Each structure stands twice: as C-alpha cells, then as structure tokens.
Protein backbone atom coordinates (compact mmCIF):
# COMPACT_ATOMS: atom_id res chain seq x y z
CA UNK A 1 29.71 -59.53 18.40
CA UNK A 2 31.70 -58.27 15.44
CA UNK A 3 28.78 -59.03 13.11
CA UNK A 4 26.44 -57.03 15.27
CA UNK A 5 28.65 -53.95 15.23
CA UNK A 6 29.08 -54.31 11.46
CA UNK A 7 25.27 -54.46 11.19
CA UNK A 8 24.95 -51.35 13.35
CA UNK A 9 27.62 -49.66 11.27
CA UNK A 10 25.75 -50.51 8.04
CA UNK A 11 22.48 -49.32 9.60
CA UNK A 12 24.11 -46.05 10.59
CA UNK A 13 25.57 -45.64 7.10
CA UNK A 14 22.15 -46.28 5.55
CA UNK A 15 20.60 -43.86 8.01
CA UNK A 16 23.22 -41.19 7.22
CA UNK A 17 22.79 -41.82 3.48
CA UNK A 18 19.02 -41.54 3.80
CA UNK A 19 19.37 -38.41 5.93
CA UNK A 20 21.75 -36.89 3.37
CA UNK A 21 19.38 -37.79 0.54
CA UNK A 22 16.38 -36.23 2.34
CA UNK A 23 18.38 -33.10 3.20
CA UNK A 24 19.67 -32.80 -0.35
CA UNK A 25 16.16 -33.29 -1.79
CA UNK A 26 14.69 -30.67 0.56
CA UNK A 27 17.50 -28.28 -0.39
CA UNK A 28 16.79 -28.74 -4.10
CA UNK A 29 13.06 -28.24 -3.52
CA UNK A 30 13.75 -25.11 -1.42
CA UNK A 31 16.08 -23.76 -4.10
CA UNK A 32 13.47 -24.39 -6.80
CA UNK A 33 10.76 -22.65 -4.78
CA UNK A 34 13.04 -19.66 -4.18
CA UNK A 35 13.89 -19.36 -7.85
CA UNK A 36 10.21 -19.61 -8.76
CA UNK A 37 9.23 -17.04 -6.13
CA UNK A 38 11.95 -14.65 -7.24
CA UNK A 39 10.40 -14.59 -10.70
CA UNK A 40 7.29 -13.05 -9.16
CA UNK A 41 9.17 -10.08 -7.68
CA UNK A 42 9.31 -7.97 -10.88
CA UNK A 43 5.57 -8.31 -11.49
CA UNK A 44 4.82 -7.55 -7.84
CA UNK A 45 7.01 -4.46 -8.01
CA UNK A 46 5.27 -3.26 -11.16
CA UNK A 47 1.91 -3.81 -9.48
CA UNK A 48 3.10 -1.83 -6.44
CA UNK A 49 4.26 1.07 -8.62
CA UNK A 50 1.01 1.06 -10.59
CA UNK A 51 -1.01 1.07 -7.36
CA UNK A 52 1.11 3.95 -6.13
CA UNK A 53 0.53 5.85 -9.38
CA UNK A 54 -3.22 5.39 -9.07
CA UNK A 55 -3.10 6.68 -5.50
CA UNK A 56 -0.93 9.75 -6.10
CA UNK A 57 -3.58 12.00 -7.66
CA UNK A 58 -6.20 11.47 -4.91
CA UNK A 59 -3.44 11.95 -2.33
CA UNK A 60 -2.27 15.22 -3.87
CA UNK A 61 -5.84 16.42 -4.26
CA UNK A 62 -6.44 15.76 -0.57
CA UNK A 63 -3.41 17.79 0.57
CA UNK A 64 -3.95 20.80 -1.71
CA UNK A 65 -4.47 23.15 1.22
CA UNK A 66 -1.34 22.05 3.09
CA UNK A 67 1.97 23.92 2.84
CA UNK A 68 3.88 20.90 1.49
CA UNK A 69 1.51 20.50 -1.47
CA UNK A 70 3.76 22.30 -3.99
CA UNK A 71 6.81 20.27 -2.95
CA UNK A 72 4.82 17.02 -3.18
CA UNK A 73 3.50 17.91 -6.66
CA UNK A 74 7.04 18.60 -7.89
CA UNK A 75 8.27 15.33 -6.41
CA UNK A 76 5.40 13.32 -7.91
CA UNK A 77 5.80 15.03 -11.29
CA UNK A 78 9.51 14.24 -11.33
CA UNK A 79 8.80 10.64 -10.37
CA UNK A 80 5.79 9.84 -12.58
CA UNK A 81 5.63 12.54 -15.23
CA UNK A 82 3.69 15.66 -16.13
CA UNK A 83 0.37 13.79 -16.22
CA UNK A 84 0.27 13.90 -12.40
CA UNK A 85 0.11 17.69 -12.27
CA UNK A 86 -2.43 17.77 -15.10
CA UNK A 87 -4.66 15.25 -13.32
CA UNK A 88 -4.44 17.10 -10.00
CA UNK A 89 -5.54 20.35 -11.62
CA UNK A 90 -8.07 18.75 -14.00
CA UNK A 91 -10.90 18.97 -11.45
CA UNK A 92 -10.21 22.70 -11.08
CA UNK A 93 -10.33 23.19 -14.82
CA UNK A 94 -13.61 21.31 -15.14
CA UNK A 95 -15.04 23.22 -12.16
CA UNK A 96 -14.01 26.58 -13.65
CA UNK A 97 -15.51 25.72 -17.03
CA UNK A 98 -18.73 24.61 -15.34
CA UNK A 99 -18.87 27.81 -13.26
CA UNK A 100 -18.43 29.94 -16.40
CA UNK A 101 -21.16 28.01 -18.25
CA UNK A 102 -23.58 28.27 -15.33
CA UNK A 103 -22.93 31.98 -14.84
CA UNK A 104 -23.66 32.53 -18.54
CA UNK A 105 -26.93 30.61 -18.19
CA UNK A 106 -27.75 32.62 -15.08
CA UNK A 107 -27.74 35.81 -17.19
CA UNK A 108 -30.77 34.46 -19.08
CA UNK A 109 -32.37 32.81 -16.03
CA UNK A 110 -31.41 34.84 -12.94
CA UNK A 111 -34.04 33.11 -10.79
CA UNK A 112 -33.11 29.55 -11.67
CA UNK A 113 -32.83 27.85 -8.28
CA UNK A 114 -30.87 24.85 -9.60
CA UNK A 115 -28.24 27.03 -11.28
CA UNK A 116 -27.91 29.15 -8.12
CA UNK A 117 -27.50 26.06 -5.93
CA UNK A 118 -25.01 24.50 -8.32
CA UNK A 119 -22.93 27.67 -8.33
CA UNK A 120 -23.05 27.75 -4.54
CA UNK A 121 -21.74 24.19 -4.35
CA UNK A 122 -19.03 24.78 -6.95
CA UNK A 123 -17.76 27.91 -5.22
CA UNK A 124 -17.76 26.05 -1.90
CA UNK A 125 -15.65 23.30 -3.48
CA UNK A 126 -13.35 25.98 -4.84
CA UNK A 127 -12.95 27.40 -1.35
CA UNK A 128 -14.67 30.72 -2.01
CA UNK A 129 -17.15 30.77 0.84
CA UNK A 130 -18.43 34.33 0.35
CA UNK A 131 -19.43 33.67 -3.24
CA UNK A 132 -20.93 30.31 -2.24
CA UNK A 133 -23.10 31.95 0.46
CA UNK A 134 -24.14 34.69 -1.97
CA UNK A 135 -25.48 32.14 -4.47
CA UNK A 136 -27.13 30.06 -1.73
CA UNK A 137 -28.86 33.17 -0.35
CA UNK A 138 -30.14 33.98 -3.84
CA UNK A 139 -31.38 30.38 -4.23
CA UNK A 140 -33.23 30.66 -0.89
CA UNK A 141 -34.86 33.88 -2.08
CA UNK A 142 -36.20 31.96 -5.06
CA UNK A 143 -37.15 28.88 -3.01
CA UNK A 144 -37.62 29.65 0.70
CA UNK A 145 -38.04 25.93 1.45
CA UNK A 146 -34.36 25.24 0.78
CA UNK A 147 -32.46 24.17 3.90
C-alpha cells in the first residue's frame, strides 16, 4: 500500500510540475504578446492624431454658421497650428477670387449665361441669397429654358 501512495504522490508531483510548467509558459507567452502589442500603441496613436487632423478642416467648415465656430477654430488652431485656420478659410479665398474674376469677365460679356449661373452658385455658397437670385434671374433672362 505504501508503494501505491508513493506512486500517487509522484504522479501528483509530476502533475503539479507539468501544471506549473504550462502556467509558466503561458505567462511568458502572454507577457511577450503584451510587450509586442504595446509597441504598436505609439503608431496607433500617431495614426489617430493624423486621422483627427485630416477631419478637423471638414468639421470646422461644416459648423461655420454655428455660434461655437470661432471657439472651435481657436481650439483647433492651438492644438494643430495655424494651418487649420488657413485651410478653413481657403475655400472662401478661392471663391472670392473666382467671383472677382467672373464679375470682371461679365463686364465684357454681360449676357453670358454660364458666367451668370456660376456667379449665382458662388454667391449661394457664400450665403448671399439676394445676389445669388439676382444672377440667376439674369441667367434666366438670357436662357428662359433654365430651371
């Protein structure tokens, strides 16, 4: 009987040793995976910030008419730099330059339907509805088939 309990004791010791070895091995593997995964965090953070930077200008452009726009522009400019404000207002600058060029061309071609329609669209985008309607009415005078 003593031999049997010694055999059971050895079996239990082997089982505990094997269990310890498996647990230790899994712990080392888990630790290695965690260390490897933690090396990805800086690149993921940089990607997140870059995605946020790409999204900030369209976001600010979309909220231009809201009261918190100025506060958001200041916050974004402080966070990302002066380029944010420049990019937000770039479309306005391009639109204003285009309006000036088209109005100069309109002096030489006052009945040019395409120029009149373009000016109507640009003033609509700028939020100046009266001026937009004025140019659209003039375009319809030139081309009554316009919708």
